[in-house]
Amino acid sequence: MPKMKTNRGAAKRFRRTGSGKFKRAQSFRRHILTKKSTKRKRHLRDDAVVHDNDTKMLNRMLPYV
């Protein structure tokens, strides 16, 4: 069997944690930031964990991560 290819778009967006879950960045932080409160922007800096229902798909896209 040949090696599986990693989905490069997913590799740039997700990181695997020590427990095997995936981290992702929050959305809504790119533009139109003046109307968003400082507290909201501060909380959007933190990484979020991908929902368990989506990890099966990510495991296929990122086989060697």
Protein backbone atom coordinates (compact mmCIF):
# COMPACT_ATOMS: atom_id res chain seq x y z
CA MET A 1 0.00 0.00 0.00
CA PRO A 2 1.27 3.48 -0.76
CA LYS A 3 1.39 6.10 1.93
CA MET A 4 -1.77 8.12 2.53
CA LYS A 5 -1.66 11.79 1.68
CA THR A 6 -2.22 14.39 4.36
CA ASN A 7 -4.81 17.03 3.57
CA ARG A 8 -2.57 20.10 3.61
CA GLY A 9 -5.40 22.55 4.26
CA ALA A 10 -6.40 20.62 7.37
CA ALA A 11 -2.78 20.30 8.50
CA LYS A 12 -2.50 24.08 8.63
CA ARG A 13 -5.71 24.50 10.62
CA PHE A 14 -5.66 21.71 13.21
CA ARG A 15 -3.20 20.37 15.78
CA ARG A 16 -3.52 17.16 17.75
CA THR A 17 -3.38 17.42 21.54
CA GLY A 18 -1.71 14.96 23.87
CA SER A 19 -5.00 13.19 24.53
CA GLY A 20 -5.67 12.67 20.82
CA LYS A 21 -8.20 15.46 20.37
CA PHE A 22 -7.79 18.29 17.86
CA LYS A 23 -7.32 21.99 18.59
CA ARG A 24 -8.53 24.70 16.24
CA ALA A 25 -8.46 28.48 16.13
CA GLN A 26 -11.59 30.51 16.74
CA SER A 27 -13.32 32.29 13.87
CA PHE A 28 -14.58 35.91 13.75
CA ARG A 29 -11.16 37.44 14.50
CA ARG A 30 -10.13 38.62 11.00
CA HIS A 31 -11.85 41.93 10.31
CA ILE A 32 -14.64 44.25 11.47
CA LEU A 33 -13.07 44.23 14.92
CA THR A 34 -14.04 47.76 15.96
CA LYS A 35 -17.61 46.84 16.83
CA LYS A 36 -16.57 43.77 18.83
CA SER A 37 -15.86 44.24 22.52
CA THR A 38 -12.40 43.79 23.96
CA LYS A 39 -13.64 40.91 26.10
CA ARG A 40 -15.07 39.13 23.05
CA LYS A 41 -11.85 39.55 21.06
CA ARG A 42 -9.78 38.36 24.03
CA HIS A 43 -11.83 35.17 24.35
CA LEU A 44 -11.54 34.53 20.61
CA ARG A 45 -7.74 34.33 20.99
CA ASP A 46 -7.99 31.00 22.81
CA ASP A 47 -7.98 27.73 20.92
CA ALA A 48 -11.09 25.58 20.87
CA VAL A 49 -11.37 21.80 20.79
CA VAL A 50 -12.96 20.16 17.76
CA HIS A 51 -16.22 18.38 18.55
CA ASP A 52 -16.02 14.60 18.93
CA ASN A 53 -18.35 14.07 15.95
CA ASP A 54 -15.77 15.68 13.63
CA THR A 55 -12.65 13.90 14.87
CA LYS A 56 -13.28 10.81 12.71
CA MET A 57 -13.15 12.97 9.59
CA LEU A 58 -9.98 14.69 10.82
CA ASN A 59 -8.31 11.36 11.53
CA ARG A 60 -8.75 10.48 7.86
CA MET A 61 -7.47 13.84 6.65
CA LEU A 62 -4.48 13.84 9.02
CA PRO A 63 -3.30 10.22 9.17
CA TYR A 64 0.25 10.91 10.41
CA VAL A 65 -0.26 13.92 12.67
